[in-house]
Amino acid sequence: MIKIERMKPASKKLIPTLVFLALACLLWVERERSDDPGGSSGHSDDALATAFEHRRSNLDVEAEGVVIKVLPDDNEGSRHQRFIVKLRSGQTLIIAHNIDLARRILSLAEGDSVAFRGEYEWNPQGGVIHWTHHDPGGRHVAGWLMHDGKKYQ
């Protein structure tokens, strides 16, 4: 036979505190999980700096930078529009935007602000962002560039 005991009054007061702490922990874990490189530009800059420092690659990131140099297109294999952005942190990144799969940014110039979502690959100069376009095969997270209020994907 199972014996059921009544809770003592002191333990009844403890239950709301334990529920509150459990919910707070769940919210904190969810917030930490969502603070990946897709957050605000400060968090994104931190995540990109960490990826660069630890030579990590294949990371989906979202951030914003200022164009400091427009490079010639890479026309070997798939064609890519290339340019260098500087983040608020000072880190520089090359953006390699596949123009066989997405529209080219025609009016891109030094000093322009560009937001981006793509995949980070480490290199000694700061890193490369690619996959700034949709994936026709549907196997990769879609990336994009945002310039002058227009999305290039």
C-alpha atoms as a PDB file:
ATOM      1  CA  MET A   1       0.000   0.000   0.000  1.00  0.00           C
ATOM      2  CA  ILE A   2       1.212   3.526  -0.849  1.00  0.00           C
ATOM      3  CA  LYS A   3       1.456   5.988   1.955  1.00  0.00           C
ATOM      4  CA  ILE A   4       0.674   9.633   1.088  1.00  0.00           C
ATOM      5  CA  GLU A   5       1.933  12.300   3.404  1.00  0.00           C
ATOM      6  CA  ARG A   6       0.681  15.836   3.535  1.00  0.00           C
ATOM      7  CA  MET A   7       3.105  18.637   2.734  1.00  0.00           C
ATOM      8  CA  LYS A   8       4.306  20.711   5.574  1.00  0.00           C
ATOM      9  CA  PRO A   9       3.424  24.441   5.348  1.00  0.00           C
ATOM     10  CA  ALA A  10       7.090  25.465   4.892  1.00  0.00           C
ATOM     11  CA  SER A  11       7.502  23.253   1.801  1.00  0.00           C
ATOM     12  CA  LYS A  12       4.319  24.744   0.255  1.00  0.00           C
ATOM     13  CA  LYS A  13       5.994  28.154   0.305  1.00  0.00           C
ATOM     14  CA  LEU A  14       9.035  26.722  -1.466  1.00  0.00           C
ATOM     15  CA  ILE A  15       7.110  25.464  -4.522  1.00  0.00           C
ATOM     16  CA  PRO A  16       6.440  28.899  -6.141  1.00  0.00           C
ATOM     17  CA  THR A  17      10.094  29.808  -5.684  1.00  0.00           C
ATOM     18  CA  LEU A  18      11.242  26.585  -7.347  1.00  0.00           C
ATOM     19  CA  VAL A  19       8.790  27.085 -10.236  1.00  0.00           C
ATOM     20  CA  PHE A  20      10.033  30.651 -10.693  1.00  0.00           C
ATOM     21  CA  LEU A  21      13.683  29.520 -10.711  1.00  0.00           C
ATOM     22  CA  ALA A  22      12.935  26.739 -13.211  1.00  0.00           C
ATOM     23  CA  LEU A  23      11.195  29.194 -15.563  1.00  0.00           C
ATOM     24  CA  ALA A  24      14.034  31.700 -15.206  1.00  0.00           C
ATOM     25  CA  CYS A  25      16.548  28.989 -16.109  1.00  0.00           C
ATOM     26  CA  LEU A  26      14.517  27.967 -19.165  1.00  0.00           C
ATOM     27  CA  LEU A  27      14.296  31.594 -20.347  1.00  0.00           C
ATOM     28  CA  TRP A  28      18.030  32.090 -19.842  1.00  0.00           C
ATOM     29  CA  VAL A  29      18.870  28.926 -21.820  1.00  0.00           C
ATOM     30  CA  GLU A  30      16.538  29.973 -24.651  1.00  0.00           C
ATOM     31  CA  ARG A  31      18.046  33.477 -24.723  1.00  0.00           C
ATOM     32  CA  GLU A  32      21.571  32.048 -24.863  1.00  0.00           C
ATOM     33  CA  ARG A  33      20.539  29.734 -27.703  1.00  0.00           C
ATOM     34  CA  SER A  34      19.064  32.675 -29.663  1.00  0.00           C
ATOM     35  CA  ASP A  35      22.150  34.876 -29.091  1.00  0.00           C
ATOM     36  CA  ASP A  36      23.892  33.299 -32.048  1.00  0.00           C
ATOM     37  CA  PRO A  37      25.348  35.442 -34.817  1.00  0.00           C
ATOM     38  CA  GLY A  38      21.896  36.383 -35.973  1.00  0.00           C
ATOM     39  CA  GLY A  39      21.324  38.795 -33.085  1.00  0.00           C
ATOM     40  CA  SER A  40      22.069  42.483 -32.840  1.00  0.00           C
ATOM     41  CA  SER A  41      25.157  43.760 -34.596  1.00  0.00           C
ATOM     42  CA  GLY A  42      27.089  43.924 -31.313  1.00  0.00           C
ATOM     43  CA  HIS A  43      26.458  40.233 -30.654  1.00  0.00           C
ATOM     44  CA  SER A  44      27.168  39.444 -34.308  1.00  0.00           C
ATOM     45  CA  ASP A  45      30.456  41.307 -34.201  1.00  0.00           C
ATOM     46  CA  ASP A  46      31.416  39.387 -31.049  1.00  0.00           C
ATOM     47  CA  ALA A  47      30.480  36.054 -32.642  1.00  0.00           C
ATOM     48  CA  LEU A  48      32.462  36.865 -35.792  1.00  0.00           C
ATOM     49  CA  ALA A  49      35.461  37.986 -33.726  1.00  0.00           C
ATOM     50  CA  THR A  50      35.332  34.713 -31.783  1.00  0.00           C
ATOM     51  CA  ALA A  51      35.042  32.702 -35.004  1.00  0.00           C
ATOM     52  CA  PHE A  52      38.047  34.535 -36.434  1.00  0.00           C
ATOM     53  CA  GLU A  53      40.112  34.119 -33.257  1.00  0.00           C
ATOM     54  CA  HIS A  54      39.390  30.378 -33.086  1.00  0.00           C
ATOM     55  CA  ARG A  55      39.651  29.827 -36.868  1.00  0.00           C
ATOM     56  CA  ARG A  56      36.099  28.486 -37.079  1.00  0.00           C
ATOM     57  CA  SER A  57      34.253  28.077 -40.362  1.00  0.00           C
ATOM     58  CA  ASN A  58      30.882  26.961 -41.685  1.00  0.00           C
ATOM     59  CA  LEU A  59      28.958  29.277 -39.338  1.00  0.00           C
ATOM     60  CA  ASP A  60      25.676  30.883 -40.358  1.00  0.00           C
ATOM     61  CA  VAL A  61      25.934  34.555 -39.426  1.00  0.00           C
ATOM     62  CA  GLU A  62      23.949  37.746 -39.753  1.00  0.00           C
ATOM     63  CA  ALA A  63      25.525  41.176 -39.318  1.00  0.00           C
ATOM     64  CA  GLU A  64      26.060  44.579 -40.891  1.00  0.00           C
ATOM     65  CA  GLY A  65      29.103  46.460 -42.082  1.00  0.00           C
ATOM     66  CA  VAL A  66      30.297  49.373 -44.174  1.00  0.00           C
ATOM     67  CA  VAL A  67      31.752  48.749 -47.627  1.00  0.00           C
ATOM     68  CA  ILE A  68      35.416  49.809 -47.610  1.00  0.00           C
ATOM     69  CA  LYS A  69      36.381  48.391 -51.011  1.00  0.00           C
ATOM     70  CA  VAL A  70      34.557  47.066 -54.055  1.00  0.00           C
ATOM     71  CA  LEU A  71      36.595  44.265 -55.630  1.00  0.00           C
ATOM     72  CA  PRO A  72      36.490  42.917 -59.202  1.00  0.00           C
ATOM     73  CA  ASP A  73      34.054  40.073 -59.790  1.00  0.00           C
ATOM     74  CA  ASP A  74      35.339  36.533 -59.459  1.00  0.00           C
ATOM     75  CA  ASN A  75      34.394  34.967 -62.806  1.00  0.00           C
ATOM     76  CA  GLU A  76      35.983  31.549 -62.325  1.00  0.00           C
ATOM     77  CA  GLY A  77      33.291  28.895 -61.895  1.00  0.00           C
ATOM     78  CA  SER A  78      30.176  30.487 -60.425  1.00  0.00           C
ATOM     79  CA  ARG A  79      30.392  34.259 -60.755  1.00  0.00           C
ATOM     80  CA  HIS A  80      30.610  36.262 -57.530  1.00  0.00           C
ATOM     81  CA  GLN A  81      30.311  39.974 -56.810  1.00  0.00           C
ATOM     82  CA  ARG A  82      32.983  40.689 -54.197  1.00  0.00           C
ATOM     83  CA  PHE A  83      33.519  43.516 -51.755  1.00  0.00           C
ATOM     84  CA  ILE A  84      35.063  44.122 -48.343  1.00  0.00           C
ATOM     85  CA  VAL A  85      33.017  45.309 -45.375  1.00  0.00           C
ATOM     86  CA  LYS A  86      34.244  46.594 -42.061  1.00  0.00           C
ATOM     87  CA  LEU A  87      32.246  45.737 -38.942  1.00  0.00           C
ATOM     88  CA  ARG A  88      31.796  48.102 -35.991  1.00  0.00           C
ATOM     89  CA  SER A  89      34.409  46.007 -34.176  1.00  0.00           C
ATOM     90  CA  GLY A  90      36.972  46.851 -36.880  1.00  0.00           C
ATOM     91  CA  GLN A  91      37.078  43.310 -38.294  1.00  0.00           C
ATOM     92  CA  THR A  92      36.981  43.137 -42.079  1.00  0.00           C
ATOM     93  CA  LEU A  93      35.203  40.506 -44.159  1.00  0.00           C
ATOM     94  CA  ILE A  94      35.074  39.717 -47.843  1.00  0.00           C
ATOM     95  CA  ILE A  95      31.544  39.230 -49.108  1.00  0.00           C
ATOM     96  CA  ALA A  96      31.375  36.798 -52.049  1.00  0.00           C
ATOM     97  CA  HIS A  97      27.837  37.109 -53.457  1.00  0.00           C
ATOM     98  CA  ASN A  98      26.910  34.516 -56.104  1.00  0.00           C
ATOM     99  CA  ILE A  99      25.490  36.514 -59.032  1.00  0.00           C
ATOM    100  CA  ASP A 100      24.609  33.396 -61.001  1.00  0.00           C
ATOM    101  CA  LEU A 101      21.948  32.668 -58.342  1.00  0.00           C
ATOM    102  CA  ALA A 102      21.058  36.142 -57.043  1.00  0.00           C
ATOM    103  CA  ARG A 103      20.837  39.689 -58.354  1.00  0.00           C
ATOM    104  CA  ARG A 104      23.951  41.862 -58.329  1.00  0.00           C
ATOM    105  CA  ILE A 105      23.897  45.048 -56.235  1.00  0.00           C
ATOM    106  CA  LEU A 106      24.305  47.546 -59.084  1.00  0.00           C
ATOM    107  CA  SER A 107      24.700  50.725 -57.036  1.00  0.00           C
ATOM    108  CA  LEU A 108      27.198  49.371 -54.476  1.00  0.00           C
ATOM    109  CA  ALA A 109      29.877  51.891 -53.476  1.00  0.00           C
ATOM    110  CA  GLU A 110      32.445  52.490 -50.754  1.00  0.00           C
ATOM    111  CA  GLY A 111      30.829  53.907 -47.618  1.00  0.00           C
ATOM    112  CA  ASP A 112      27.533  52.056 -48.175  1.00  0.00           C
ATOM    113  CA  SER A 113      26.005  50.075 -45.340  1.00  0.00           C
ATOM    114  CA  VAL A 114      25.254  46.421 -46.140  1.00  0.00           C
ATOM    115  CA  ALA A 115      23.496  43.936 -43.890  1.00  0.00           C
ATOM    116  CA  PHE A 116      24.067  40.292 -44.656  1.00  0.00           C
ATOM    117  CA  ARG A 117      23.183  36.737 -43.803  1.00  0.00           C
ATOM    118  CA  GLY A 118      25.461  33.991 -45.006  1.00  0.00           C
ATOM    119  CA  GLU A 119      28.067  31.441 -44.081  1.00  0.00           C
ATOM    120  CA  TYR A 120      31.349  32.524 -42.471  1.00  0.00           C
ATOM    121  CA  GLU A 121      34.607  30.919 -43.580  1.00  0.00           C
ATOM    122  CA  TRP A 122      37.807  31.752 -41.731  1.00  0.00           C
ATOM    123  CA  ASN A 123      40.805  33.275 -43.521  1.00  0.00           C
ATOM    124  CA  PRO A 124      43.802  35.229 -42.173  1.00  0.00           C
ATOM    125  CA  GLN A 125      42.396  38.580 -43.384  1.00  0.00           C
ATOM    126  CA  GLY A 126      39.221  38.354 -41.284  1.00  0.00           C
ATOM    127  CA  GLY A 127      37.020  35.881 -43.104  1.00  0.00           C
ATOM    128  CA  VAL A 128      34.751  35.390 -46.080  1.00  0.00           C
ATOM    129  CA  ILE A 129      30.963  35.459 -46.140  1.00  0.00           C
ATOM    130  CA  HIS A 130      29.333  33.373 -48.855  1.00  0.00           C
ATOM    131  CA  TRP A 131      25.932  31.693 -49.334  1.00  0.00           C
ATOM    132  CA  THR A 132      24.333  35.164 -49.446  1.00  0.00           C
ATOM    133  CA  HIS A 133      21.640  33.750 -51.736  1.00  0.00           C
ATOM    134  CA  HIS A 134      18.896  31.145 -51.805  1.00  0.00           C
ATOM    135  CA  ASP A 135      19.796  27.492 -52.278  1.00  0.00           C
ATOM    136  CA  PRO A 136      18.054  26.150 -55.388  1.00  0.00           C
ATOM    137  CA  GLY A 137      18.413  22.623 -53.956  1.00  0.00           C
ATOM    138  CA  GLY A 138      16.841  23.624 -50.639  1.00  0.00           C
ATOM    139  CA  ARG A 139      19.608  21.977 -48.599  1.00  0.00           C
ATOM    140  CA  HIS A 140      21.236  25.128 -47.174  1.00  0.00           C
ATOM    141  CA  VAL A 141      19.889  28.012 -45.120  1.00  0.00           C
ATOM    142  CA  ALA A 142      19.033  30.903 -47.438  1.00  0.00           C
ATOM    143  CA  GLY A 143      21.285  33.923 -47.131  1.00  0.00           C
ATOM    144  CA  TRP A 144      20.819  37.475 -48.367  1.00  0.00           C
ATOM    145  CA  LEU A 145      22.279  40.952 -48.669  1.00  0.00           C
ATOM    146  CA  MET A 146      20.337  44.098 -47.722  1.00  0.00           C
ATOM    147  CA  HIS A 147      21.363  47.366 -49.395  1.00  0.00           C
ATOM    148  CA  ASP A 148      19.342  50.590 -49.599  1.00  0.00           C
ATOM    149  CA  GLY A 149      16.237  48.787 -48.328  1.00  0.00           C
ATOM    150  CA  LYS A 150      16.388  46.087 -51.010  1.00  0.00           C
ATOM    151  CA  LYS A 151      17.040  42.401 -50.356  1.00  0.00           C
ATOM    152  CA  TYR A 152      19.321  40.522 -52.746  1.00  0.00           C
ATOM    153  CA  GLN A 153      18.820  36.790 -52.496  1.00  0.00           C
END
